[in-house]
Amino acid sequence: MAQLNIKQIMAGFNTSDMTVYTWRQGTATRRALPHNVGEGRRVSFDEPEVKAWAKEYGLKFDSAAAKAANSVSVPGPKPKKMVAKKATPAKRARPRAKAS
């Protein structure tokens, strides 16, 4: 029995983490997505139970995408180069004319 994590469930259903969170809670029209809470509040899902739940509600679960989710690493954005701006000379105040 394959254990899936939240990242894999998100990839398998092609959805967001908040959708998975809502499914885990259950709604008025759907029973809760079967999950296990382990050590340190780590959540895992049994693949056969997830597939049965998805079939019950007419959702498509892509097992290949779910299994590939952990192996794919997407690089983040490249850091911008920090370029120092040239210092502009401060303007001097003009001396005030003396009143006579």
PDB file of N, CA and C in Angstrom:
ATOM      1  N   MET A   1       0.844  -1.170   0.000  1.00  0.00           N
ATOM      2  CA  MET A   1       0.000   0.000   0.000  1.00  0.00           C
ATOM      3  C   MET A   1       0.893   1.238   0.000  1.00  0.00           C
ATOM      4  N   ALA A   2       0.724   2.057  -1.014  1.00  0.00           N
ATOM      5  CA  ALA A   2       1.566   3.249  -1.160  1.00  0.00           C
ATOM      6  C   ALA A   2       1.034   4.382  -0.294  1.00  0.00           C
ATOM      7  N   GLN A   3       1.949   5.008   0.406  1.00  0.00           N
ATOM      8  CA  GLN A   3       1.603   6.177   1.213  1.00  0.00           C
ATOM      9  C   GLN A   3       1.960   7.429   0.418  1.00  0.00           C
ATOM     10  N   LEU A   4       1.024   8.344   0.296  1.00  0.00           N
ATOM     11  CA  LEU A   4       1.235   9.588  -0.437  1.00  0.00           C
ATOM     12  C   LEU A   4       1.213  10.754   0.539  1.00  0.00           C
ATOM     13  N   ASN A   5       1.984  11.792   0.225  1.00  0.00           N
ATOM     14  CA  ASN A   5       1.955  12.993   1.051  1.00  0.00           C
ATOM     15  C   ASN A   5       1.075  14.053   0.377  1.00  0.00           C
ATOM     16  N   ILE A   6       0.928  15.185   1.022  1.00  0.00           N
ATOM     17  CA  ILE A   6       0.035  16.229   0.503  1.00  0.00           C
ATOM     18  C   ILE A   6       0.519  16.734  -0.856  1.00  0.00           C
ATOM     19  N   LYS A   7       1.829  16.876  -1.020  1.00  0.00           N
ATOM     20  CA  LYS A   7       2.373  17.353  -2.290  1.00  0.00           C
ATOM     21  C   LYS A   7       1.989  16.402  -3.426  1.00  0.00           C
ATOM     22  N   GLN A   8       2.034  15.120  -3.160  1.00  0.00           N
ATOM     23  CA  GLN A   8       1.673  14.137  -4.174  1.00  0.00           C
ATOM     24  C   GLN A   8       0.172  14.152  -4.463  1.00  0.00           C
ATOM     25  N   ILE A   9      -0.639  14.363  -3.435  1.00  0.00           N
ATOM     26  CA  ILE A   9      -2.084  14.452  -3.636  1.00  0.00           C
ATOM     27  C   ILE A   9      -2.413  15.677  -4.487  1.00  0.00           C
ATOM     28  N   MET A  10      -1.751  16.800  -4.201  1.00  0.00           N
ATOM     29  CA  MET A  10      -1.961  18.017  -4.991  1.00  0.00           C
ATOM     30  C   MET A  10      -1.623  17.767  -6.458  1.00  0.00           C
ATOM     31  N   ALA A  11      -0.508  17.082  -6.721  1.00  0.00           N
ATOM     32  CA  ALA A  11      -0.098  16.800  -8.100  1.00  0.00           C
ATOM     33  C   ALA A  11      -1.053  15.804  -8.763  1.00  0.00           C
ATOM     34  N   GLY A  12      -1.495  14.806  -8.021  1.00  0.00           N
ATOM     35  CA  GLY A  12      -2.383  13.789  -8.574  1.00  0.00           C
ATOM     36  C   GLY A  12      -3.742  14.341  -8.978  1.00  0.00           C
ATOM     37  N   PHE A  13      -4.257  15.271  -8.187  1.00  0.00           N
ATOM     38  CA  PHE A  13      -5.550  15.888  -8.501  1.00  0.00           C
ATOM     39  C   PHE A  13      -5.389  17.193  -9.269  1.00  0.00           C
ATOM     40  N   ASN A  14      -4.156  17.669  -9.422  1.00  0.00           N
ATOM     41  CA  ASN A  14      -3.859  18.946 -10.082  1.00  0.00           C
ATOM     42  C   ASN A  14      -4.665  20.072  -9.426  1.00  0.00           C
ATOM     43  N   THR A  15      -4.469  20.209  -8.117  1.00  0.00           N
ATOM     44  CA  THR A  15      -5.211  21.190  -7.342  1.00  0.00           C
ATOM     45  C   THR A  15      -4.301  21.829  -6.292  1.00  0.00           C
ATOM     46  N   SER A  16      -4.841  22.745  -5.511  1.00  0.00           N
ATOM     47  CA  SER A  16      -4.043  23.471  -4.522  1.00  0.00           C
ATOM     48  C   SER A  16      -4.091  22.788  -3.154  1.00  0.00           C
ATOM     49  N   ASP A  17      -3.231  23.254  -2.266  1.00  0.00           N
ATOM     50  CA  ASP A  17      -3.188  22.697  -0.920  1.00  0.00           C
ATOM     51  C   ASP A  17      -4.455  23.030  -0.136  1.00  0.00           C
ATOM     52  N   MET A  18      -5.059  24.185  -0.394  1.00  0.00           N
ATOM     53  CA  MET A  18      -6.278  24.553   0.317  1.00  0.00           C
ATOM     54  C   MET A  18      -7.459  23.672  -0.097  1.00  0.00           C
ATOM     55  N   THR A  19      -7.479  23.245  -1.347  1.00  0.00           N
ATOM     56  CA  THR A  19      -8.531  22.332  -1.789  1.00  0.00           C
ATOM     57  C   THR A  19      -8.382  20.997  -1.085  1.00  0.00           C
ATOM     58  N   VAL A  20      -7.156  20.503  -0.990  1.00  0.00           N
ATOM     59  CA  VAL A  20      -6.913  19.234  -0.295  1.00  0.00           C
ATOM     60  C   VAL A  20      -7.295  19.375   1.180  1.00  0.00           C
ATOM     61  N   TYR A  21      -6.981  20.509   1.777  1.00  0.00           N
ATOM     62  CA  TYR A  21      -7.340  20.757   3.179  1.00  0.00           C
ATOM     63  C   TYR A  21      -8.857  20.703   3.353  1.00  0.00           C
ATOM     64  N   THR A  22      -9.594  21.344   2.444  1.00  0.00           N
ATOM     65  CA  THR A  22     -11.057  21.342   2.519  1.00  0.00           C
ATOM     66  C   THR A  22     -11.596  19.926   2.344  1.00  0.00           C
ATOM     67  N   TRP A  23     -11.035  19.180   1.399  1.00  0.00           N
ATOM     68  CA  TRP A  23     -11.465  17.803   1.197  1.00  0.00           C
ATOM     69  C   TRP A  23     -11.205  16.958   2.432  1.00  0.00           C
ATOM     70  N   ARG A  24     -10.102  17.203   3.105  1.00  0.00           N
ATOM     71  CA  ARG A  24      -9.791  16.440   4.324  1.00  0.00           C
ATOM     72  C   ARG A  24     -10.823  16.700   5.418  1.00  0.00           C
ATOM     73  N   GLN A  25     -11.366  17.911   5.470  1.00  0.00           N
ATOM     74  CA  GLN A  25     -12.364  18.253   6.478  1.00  0.00           C
ATOM     75  C   GLN A  25     -13.724  17.650   6.142  1.00  0.00           C
ATOM     76  N   GLY A  26     -13.991  17.484   4.843  1.00  0.00           N
ATOM     77  CA  GLY A  26     -15.292  17.016   4.406  1.00  0.00           C
ATOM     78  C   GLY A  26     -16.225  18.208   4.235  1.00  0.00           C
ATOM     79  N   THR A  27     -17.226  18.054   3.409  1.00  0.00           N
ATOM     80  CA  THR A  27     -18.195  19.116   3.176  1.00  0.00           C
ATOM     81  C   THR A  27     -19.598  18.530   3.288  1.00  0.00           C
ATOM     82  N   ALA A  28     -20.585  19.352   3.029  1.00  0.00           N
ATOM     83  CA  ALA A  28     -21.968  18.881   3.094  1.00  0.00           C
ATOM     84  C   ALA A  28     -22.263  17.878   1.980  1.00  0.00           C
ATOM     85  N   THR A  29     -21.544  17.991   0.872  1.00  0.00           N
ATOM     86  CA  THR A  29     -21.817  17.108  -0.258  1.00  0.00           C
ATOM     87  C   THR A  29     -20.795  15.977  -0.419  1.00  0.00           C
ATOM     88  N   ARG A  30     -19.684  16.059   0.293  1.00  0.00           N
ATOM     89  CA  ARG A  30     -18.644  15.020   0.185  1.00  0.00           C
ATOM     90  C   ARG A  30     -18.192  14.576   1.562  1.00  0.00           C
ATOM     91  N   ARG A  31     -17.934  13.275   1.665  1.00  0.00           N
ATOM     92  CA  ARG A  31     -17.341  12.802   2.913  1.00  0.00           C
ATOM     93  C   ARG A  31     -15.867  13.182   2.908  1.00  0.00           C
ATOM     94  N   ALA A  32     -15.238  13.138   4.048  1.00  0.00           N
ATOM     95  CA  ALA A  32     -13.838  13.563   4.179  1.00  0.00           C
ATOM     96  C   ALA A  32     -12.914  12.648   3.381  1.00  0.00           C
ATOM     97  N   LEU A  33     -11.885  13.259   2.805  1.00  0.00           N
ATOM     98  CA  LEU A  33     -10.850  12.494   2.101  1.00  0.00           C
ATOM     99  C   LEU A  33     -10.108  11.651   3.137  1.00  0.00           C
ATOM    100  N   PRO A  34     -10.031  10.321   2.932  1.00  0.00           N
ATOM    101  CA  PRO A  34      -9.379   9.464   3.926  1.00  0.00           C
ATOM    102  C   PRO A  34      -7.889   9.805   4.061  1.00  0.00           C
ATOM    103  N   HIS A  35      -7.470  10.026   5.301  1.00  0.00           N
ATOM    104  CA  HIS A  35      -6.069  10.377   5.556  1.00  0.00           C
ATOM    105  C   HIS A  35      -5.651   9.840   6.921  1.00  0.00           C
ATOM    106  N   ASN A  36      -4.355   9.786   7.131  1.00  0.00           N
ATOM    107  CA  ASN A  36      -3.776   9.340   8.403  1.00  0.00           C
ATOM    108  C   ASN A  36      -2.912  10.461   8.949  1.00  0.00           C
ATOM    109  N   VAL A  37      -3.036  10.724  10.237  1.00  0.00           N
ATOM    110  CA  VAL A  37      -2.185  11.721  10.874  1.00  0.00           C
ATOM    111  C   VAL A  37      -1.174  10.959  11.715  1.00  0.00           C
ATOM    112  N   GLY A  38       0.092  11.143  11.365  1.00  0.00           N
ATOM    113  CA  GLY A  38       1.149  10.410  12.039  1.00  0.00           C
ATOM    114  C   GLY A  38       1.906  11.269  13.032  1.00  0.00           C
ATOM    115  N   GLU A  39       3.116  10.867  13.266  1.00  0.00           N
ATOM    116  CA  GLU A  39       4.000  11.532  14.212  1.00  0.00           C
ATOM    117  C   GLU A  39       4.253  12.980  13.787  1.00  0.00           C
ATOM    118  N   GLY A  40       4.145  13.885  14.714  1.00  0.00           N
ATOM    119  CA  GLY A  40       4.403  15.291  14.411  1.00  0.00           C
ATOM    120  C   GLY A  40       3.356  15.904  13.496  1.00  0.00           C
ATOM    121  N   ARG A  41       2.136  15.415  13.541  1.00  0.00           N
ATOM    122  CA  ARG A  41       1.019  15.910  12.711  1.00  0.00           C
ATOM    123  C   ARG A  41       1.285  15.751  11.222  1.00  0.00           C
ATOM    124  N   ARG A  42       2.138  14.829  10.846  1.00  0.00           N
ATOM    125  CA  ARG A  42       2.412  14.553   9.431  1.00  0.00           C
ATOM    126  C   ARG A  42       1.234  13.787   8.838  1.00  0.00           C
ATOM    127  N   VAL A  43       0.715  14.290   7.745  1.00  0.00           N
ATOM    128  CA  VAL A  43      -0.469  13.693   7.112  1.00  0.00           C
ATOM    129  C   VAL A  43      -0.031  12.828   5.943  1.00  0.00           C
ATOM    130  N   SER A  44      -0.608  11.634   5.856  1.00  0.00           N
ATOM    131  CA  SER A  44      -0.339  10.748   4.726  1.00  0.00           C
ATOM    132  C   SER A  44      -1.668  10.180   4.233  1.00  0.00           C
ATOM    133  N   PHE A  45      -1.657   9.669   3.015  1.00  0.00           N
ATOM    134  CA  PHE A  45      -2.851   9.156   2.377  1.00  0.00           C
ATOM    135  C   PHE A  45      -2.540   7.786   1.796  1.00  0.00           C
ATOM    136  N   ASP A  46      -3.474   6.848   1.923  1.00  0.00           N
ATOM    137  CA  ASP A  46      -3.332   5.534   1.306  1.00  0.00           C
ATOM    138  C   ASP A  46      -3.853   5.630  -0.124  1.00  0.00           C
ATOM    139  N   GLU A  47      -3.008   5.260  -1.076  1.00  0.00           N
ATOM    140  CA  GLU A  47      -3.358   5.431  -2.487  1.00  0.00           C
ATOM    141  C   GLU A  47      -4.654   4.723  -2.884  1.00  0.00           C
ATOM    142  N   PRO A  48      -4.881   3.461  -2.494  1.00  0.00           N
ATOM    143  CA  PRO A  48      -6.141   2.812  -2.900  1.00  0.00           C
ATOM    144  C   PRO A  48      -7.385   3.528  -2.340  1.00  0.00           C
ATOM    145  N   GLU A  49      -7.293   4.026  -1.114  1.00  0.00           N
ATOM    146  CA  GLU A  49      -8.426   4.741  -0.522  1.00  0.00           C
ATOM    147  C   GLU A  49      -8.682   6.061  -1.253  1.00  0.00           C
ATOM    148  N   VAL A  50      -7.602   6.745  -1.636  1.00  0.00           N
ATOM    149  CA  VAL A  50      -7.741   8.010  -2.365  1.00  0.00           C
ATOM    150  C   VAL A  50      -8.372   7.768  -3.726  1.00  0.00           C
ATOM    151  N   LYS A  51      -7.943   6.702  -4.414  1.00  0.00           N
ATOM    152  CA  LYS A  51      -8.514   6.381  -5.732  1.00  0.00           C
ATOM    153  C   LYS A  51     -10.001   6.044  -5.615  1.00  0.00           C
ATOM    154  N   ALA A  52     -10.367   5.297  -4.570  1.00  0.00           N
ATOM    155  CA  ALA A  52     -11.775   4.947  -4.372  1.00  0.00           C
ATOM    156  C   ALA A  52     -12.597   6.197  -4.067  1.00  0.00           C
ATOM    157  N   TRP A  53     -12.055   7.099  -3.256  1.00  0.00           N
ATOM    158  CA  TRP A  53     -12.740   8.351  -2.924  1.00  0.00           C
ATOM    159  C   TRP A  53     -12.929   9.204  -4.181  1.00  0.00           C
ATOM    160  N   ALA A  54     -11.878   9.294  -5.005  1.00  0.00           N
ATOM    161  CA  ALA A  54     -11.951  10.079  -6.244  1.00  0.00           C
ATOM    162  C   ALA A  54     -12.991   9.488  -7.202  1.00  0.00           C
ATOM    163  N   LYS A  55     -13.030   8.176  -7.314  1.00  0.00           N
ATOM    164  CA  LYS A  55     -13.992   7.519  -8.200  1.00  0.00           C
ATOM    165  C   LYS A  55     -15.422   7.768  -7.719  1.00  0.00           C
ATOM    166  N   GLU A  56     -15.609   7.770  -6.404  1.00  0.00           N
ATOM    167  CA  GLU A  56     -16.930   8.001  -5.821  1.00  0.00           C
ATOM    168  C   GLU A  56     -17.488   9.376  -6.202  1.00  0.00           C
ATOM    169  N   TYR A  57     -16.615  10.366  -6.327  1.00  0.00           N
ATOM    170  CA  TYR A  57     -17.046  11.727  -6.632  1.00  0.00           C
ATOM    171  C   TYR A  57     -16.732  12.168  -8.060  1.00  0.00           C
ATOM    172  N   GLY A  58     -16.307  11.232  -8.899  1.00  0.00           N
ATOM    173  CA  GLY A  58     -16.079  11.537 -10.311  1.00  0.00           C
ATOM    174  C   GLY A  58     -14.868  12.414 -10.565  1.00  0.00           C
ATOM    175  N   LEU A  59     -13.863  12.333  -9.690  1.00  0.00           N
ATOM    176  CA  LEU A  59     -12.640  13.112  -9.852  1.00  0.00           C
ATOM    177  C   LEU A  59     -11.557  12.240 -10.480  1.00  0.00           C
ATOM    178  N   LYS A  60     -10.673  12.860 -11.232  1.00  0.00           N
ATOM    179  CA  LYS A  60      -9.579  12.133 -11.871  1.00  0.00           C
ATOM    180  C   LYS A  60      -8.329  12.244 -10.996  1.00  0.00           C
ATOM    181  N   PHE A  61      -7.753  11.102 -10.654  1.00  0.00           N
ATOM    182  CA  PHE A  61      -6.510  11.073  -9.881  1.00  0.00           C
ATOM    183  C   PHE A  61      -5.430  10.455 -10.741  1.00  0.00           C
ATOM    184  N   ASP A  62      -4.368  11.203 -11.019  1.00  0.00           N
ATOM    185  CA  ASP A  62      -3.268  10.753 -11.865  1.00  0.00           C
ATOM    186  C   ASP A  62      -2.140  10.221 -10.981  1.00  0.00           C
ATOM    187  N   SER A  63      -2.025   8.896 -10.908  1.00  0.00           N
ATOM    188  CA  SER A  63      -1.006   8.281 -10.048  1.00  0.00           C
ATOM    189  C   SER A  63       0.402   8.598 -10.510  1.00  0.00           C
ATOM    190  N   ALA A  64       0.605   8.682 -11.827  1.00  0.00           N
ATOM    191  CA  ALA A  64       1.952   8.960 -12.352  1.00  0.00           C
ATOM    192  C   ALA A  64       2.412  10.348 -11.934  1.00  0.00           C
ATOM    193  N   ALA A  65       1.519  11.328 -12.002  1.00  0.00           N
ATOM    194  CA  ALA A  65       1.877  12.692 -11.580  1.00  0.00           C
ATOM    195  C   ALA A  65       2.140  12.742 -10.088  1.00  0.00           C
ATOM    196  N   ALA A  66       1.366  11.970  -9.333  1.00  0.00           N
ATOM    197  CA  ALA A  66       1.550  11.944  -7.877  1.00  0.00           C
ATOM    198  C   ALA A  66       2.908  11.367  -7.503  1.00  0.00           C
ATOM    199  N   LYS A  67       3.311  10.298  -8.166  1.00  0.00           N
ATOM    200  CA  LYS A  67       4.591   9.670  -7.834  1.00  0.00           C
ATOM    201  C   LYS A  67       5.772  10.508  -8.314  1.00  0.00           C
ATOM    202  N   ALA A  68       5.562  11.267  -9.383  1.00  0.00           N
ATOM    203  CA  ALA A  68       6.636  12.105  -9.915  1.00  0.00           C
ATOM    204  C   ALA A  68       6.769  13.421  -9.146  1.00  0.00           C
ATOM    205  N   ALA A  69       5.807  13.750  -8.311  1.00  0.00           N
ATOM    206  CA  ALA A  69       5.799  15.042  -7.612  1.00  0.00           C
ATOM    207  C   ALA A  69       7.011  15.227  -6.708  1.00  0.00           C
ATOM    208  N   ASN A  70       7.457  14.175  -6.058  1.00  0.00           N
ATOM    209  CA  ASN A  70       8.605  14.304  -5.155  1.00  0.00           C
ATOM    210  C   ASN A  70       9.934  14.322  -5.891  1.00  0.00           C
ATOM    211  N   SER A  71       9.977  13.773  -7.095  1.00  0.00           N
ATOM    212  CA  SER A  71      11.250  13.692  -7.802  1.00  0.00           C
ATOM    213  C   SER A  71      11.553  14.944  -8.623  1.00  0.00           C
ATOM    214  N   VAL A  72      10.548  15.759  -8.878  1.00  0.00           N
ATOM    215  CA  VAL A  72      10.742  16.957  -9.688  1.00  0.00           C
ATOM    216  C   VAL A  72      11.132  18.115  -8.780  1.00  0.00           C
ATOM    217  N   SER A  73      12.221  18.765  -9.136  1.00  0.00           N
ATOM    218  CA  SER A  73      12.599  19.938  -8.370  1.00  0.00           C
ATOM    219  C   SER A  73      12.582  21.133  -9.301  1.00  0.00           C
ATOM    220  N   VAL A  74      11.814  22.118  -8.939  1.00  0.00           N
ATOM    221  CA  VAL A  74      11.664  23.310  -9.761  1.00  0.00           C
ATOM    222  C   VAL A  74      12.517  24.411  -9.152  1.00  0.00           C
ATOM    223  N   PRO A  75      13.464  24.933  -9.927  1.00  0.00           N
ATOM    224  CA  PRO A  75      14.297  25.990  -9.361  1.00  0.00           C
ATOM    225  C   PRO A  75      13.497  27.270  -9.184  1.00  0.00           C
ATOM    226  N   GLY A  76      13.835  27.993  -8.165  1.00  0.00           N
ATOM    227  CA  GLY A  76      13.160  29.255  -7.897  1.00  0.00           C
ATOM    228  C   GLY A  76      13.705  30.357  -8.783  1.00  0.00           C
ATOM    229  N   PRO A  77      13.206  31.549  -8.617  1.00  0.00           N
ATOM    230  CA  PRO A  77      13.685  32.655  -9.443  1.00  0.00           C
ATOM    231  C   PRO A  77      15.136  32.996  -9.107  1.00  0.00           C
ATOM    232  N   LYS A  78      15.835  33.475 -10.111  1.00  0.00           N
ATOM    233  CA  LYS A  78      17.227  33.850  -9.895  1.00  0.00           C
ATOM    234  C   LYS A  78      17.276  35.149  -9.102  1.00  0.00           C
ATOM    235  N   PRO A  79      18.217  35.250  -8.185  1.00  0.00           N
ATOM    236  CA  PRO A  79      18.306  36.490  -7.415  1.00  0.00           C
ATOM    237  C   PRO A  79      18.767  37.639  -8.307  1.00  0.00           C
ATOM    238  N   LYS A  80      18.236  38.810  -8.036  1.00  0.00           N
ATOM    239  CA  LYS A  80      18.619  39.981  -8.815  1.00  0.00           C
ATOM    240  C   LYS A  80      19.986  40.458  -8.356  1.00  0.00           C
ATOM    241  N   LYS A  81      20.748  40.990  -9.315  1.00  0.00           N
ATOM    242  CA  LYS A  81      22.054  41.528  -8.973  1.00  0.00           C
ATOM    243  C   LYS A  81      21.862  42.841  -8.233  1.00  0.00           C
ATOM    244  N   MET A  82      22.612  42.992  -7.203  1.00  0.00           N
ATOM    245  CA  MET A  82      22.562  44.236  -6.449  1.00  0.00           C
ATOM    246  C   MET A  82      23.589  45.183  -7.054  1.00  0.00           C
ATOM    247  N   VAL A  83      23.120  46.229  -7.665  1.00  0.00           N
ATOM    248  CA  VAL A  83      24.005  47.193  -8.291  1.00  0.00           C
ATOM    249  C   VAL A  83      23.956  48.466  -7.460  1.00  0.00           C
ATOM    250  N   ALA A  84      25.139  48.920  -7.060  1.00  0.00           N
ATOM    251  CA  ALA A  84      25.204  50.145  -6.260  1.00  0.00           C
ATOM    252  C   ALA A  84      24.967  51.353  -7.156  1.00  0.00           C
ATOM    253  N   LYS A  85      24.130  52.246  -6.700  1.00  0.00           N
ATOM    254  CA  LYS A  85      23.876  53.468  -7.460  1.00  0.00           C
ATOM    255  C   LYS A  85      24.985  54.459  -7.172  1.00  0.00           C
ATOM    256  N   LYS A  86      25.280  55.252  -8.171  1.00  0.00           N
ATOM    257  CA  LYS A  86      26.301  56.276  -7.974  1.00  0.00           C
ATOM    258  C   LYS A  86      25.777  57.324  -7.010  1.00  0.00           C
ATOM    259  N   ALA A  87      26.644  57.752  -6.149  1.00  0.00           N
ATOM    260  CA  ALA A  87      26.247  58.778  -5.188  1.00  0.00           C
ATOM    261  C   ALA A  87      26.147  60.116  -5.900  1.00  0.00           C
ATOM    262  N   THR A  88      25.077  60.811  -5.628  1.00  0.00           N
ATOM    263  CA  THR A  88      24.925  62.140  -6.204  1.00  0.00           C
ATOM    264  C   THR A  88      25.389  63.159  -5.170  1.00  0.00           C
ATOM    265  N   PRO A  89      26.118  64.162  -5.627  1.00  0.00           N
ATOM    266  CA  PRO A  89      26.603  65.144  -4.650  1.00  0.00           C
ATOM    267  C   PRO A  89      25.435  65.933  -4.056  1.00  0.00           C
ATOM    268  N   ALA A  90      25.569  66.250  -2.798  1.00  0.00           N
ATOM    269  CA  ALA A  90      24.522  67.012  -2.123  1.00  0.00           C
ATOM    270  C   ALA A  90      24.577  68.457  -2.589  1.00  0.00           C
ATOM    271  N   LYS A  91      23.432  69.057  -2.739  1.00  0.00           N
ATOM    272  CA  LYS A  91      23.385  70.457  -3.149  1.00  0.00           C
ATOM    273  C   LYS A  91      23.602  71.327  -1.922  1.00  0.00           C
ATOM    274  N   ARG A  92      24.446  72.306  -2.102  1.00  0.00           N
ATOM    275  CA  ARG A  92      24.708  73.214  -0.985  1.00  0.00           C
ATOM    276  C   ARG A  92      23.689  74.336  -0.999  1.00  0.00           C
ATOM    277  N   ALA A  93      23.330  74.738   0.168  1.00  0.00           N
ATOM    278  CA  ALA A  93      22.399  75.857   0.267  1.00  0.00           C
ATOM    279  C   ALA A  93      23.126  77.143  -0.050  1.00  0.00           C
ATOM    280  N   ARG A  94      22.476  78.019  -0.774  1.00  0.00           N
ATOM    281  CA  ARG A  94      23.089  79.296  -1.106  1.00  0.00           C
ATOM    282  C   ARG A  94      23.118  80.184   0.138  1.00  0.00           C
ATOM    283  N   PRO A  95      24.188  80.899   0.314  1.00  0.00           N
ATOM    284  CA  PRO A  95      24.221  81.796   1.486  1.00  0.00           C
ATOM    285  C   PRO A  95      23.192  82.897   1.296  1.00  0.00           C
ATOM    286  N   ARG A  96      22.520  83.205   2.394  1.00  0.00           N
ATOM    287  CA  ARG A  96      21.499  84.256   2.334  1.00  0.00           C
ATOM    288  C   ARG A  96      22.142  85.627   2.262  1.00  0.00           C
ATOM    289  N   ALA A  97      21.481  86.461   1.532  1.00  0.00           N
ATOM    290  CA  ALA A  97      21.981  87.843   1.440  1.00  0.00           C
ATOM    291  C   ALA A  97      21.676  88.565   2.744  1.00  0.00           C
ATOM    292  N   LYS A  98      22.641  89.362   3.218  1.00  0.00           N
ATOM    293  CA  LYS A  98      22.441  90.097   4.456  1.00  0.00           C
ATOM    294  C   LYS A  98      21.543  91.291   4.200  1.00  0.00           C
ATOM    295  N   ALA A  99      20.642  91.460   5.080  1.00  0.00           N
ATOM    296  CA  ALA A  99      19.735  92.619   4.971  1.00  0.00           C
ATOM    297  C   ALA A  99      20.476  93.848   5.477  1.00  0.00           C
ATOM    298  N   SER A 100      20.366  94.959   4.766  1.00  0.00           N
ATOM    299  CA  SER A 100      21.062  96.154   5.224  1.00  0.00           C
ATOM    300  C   SER A 100      20.188  97.092   5.964  1.00  0.00           C
TER     301      SER A 100
END
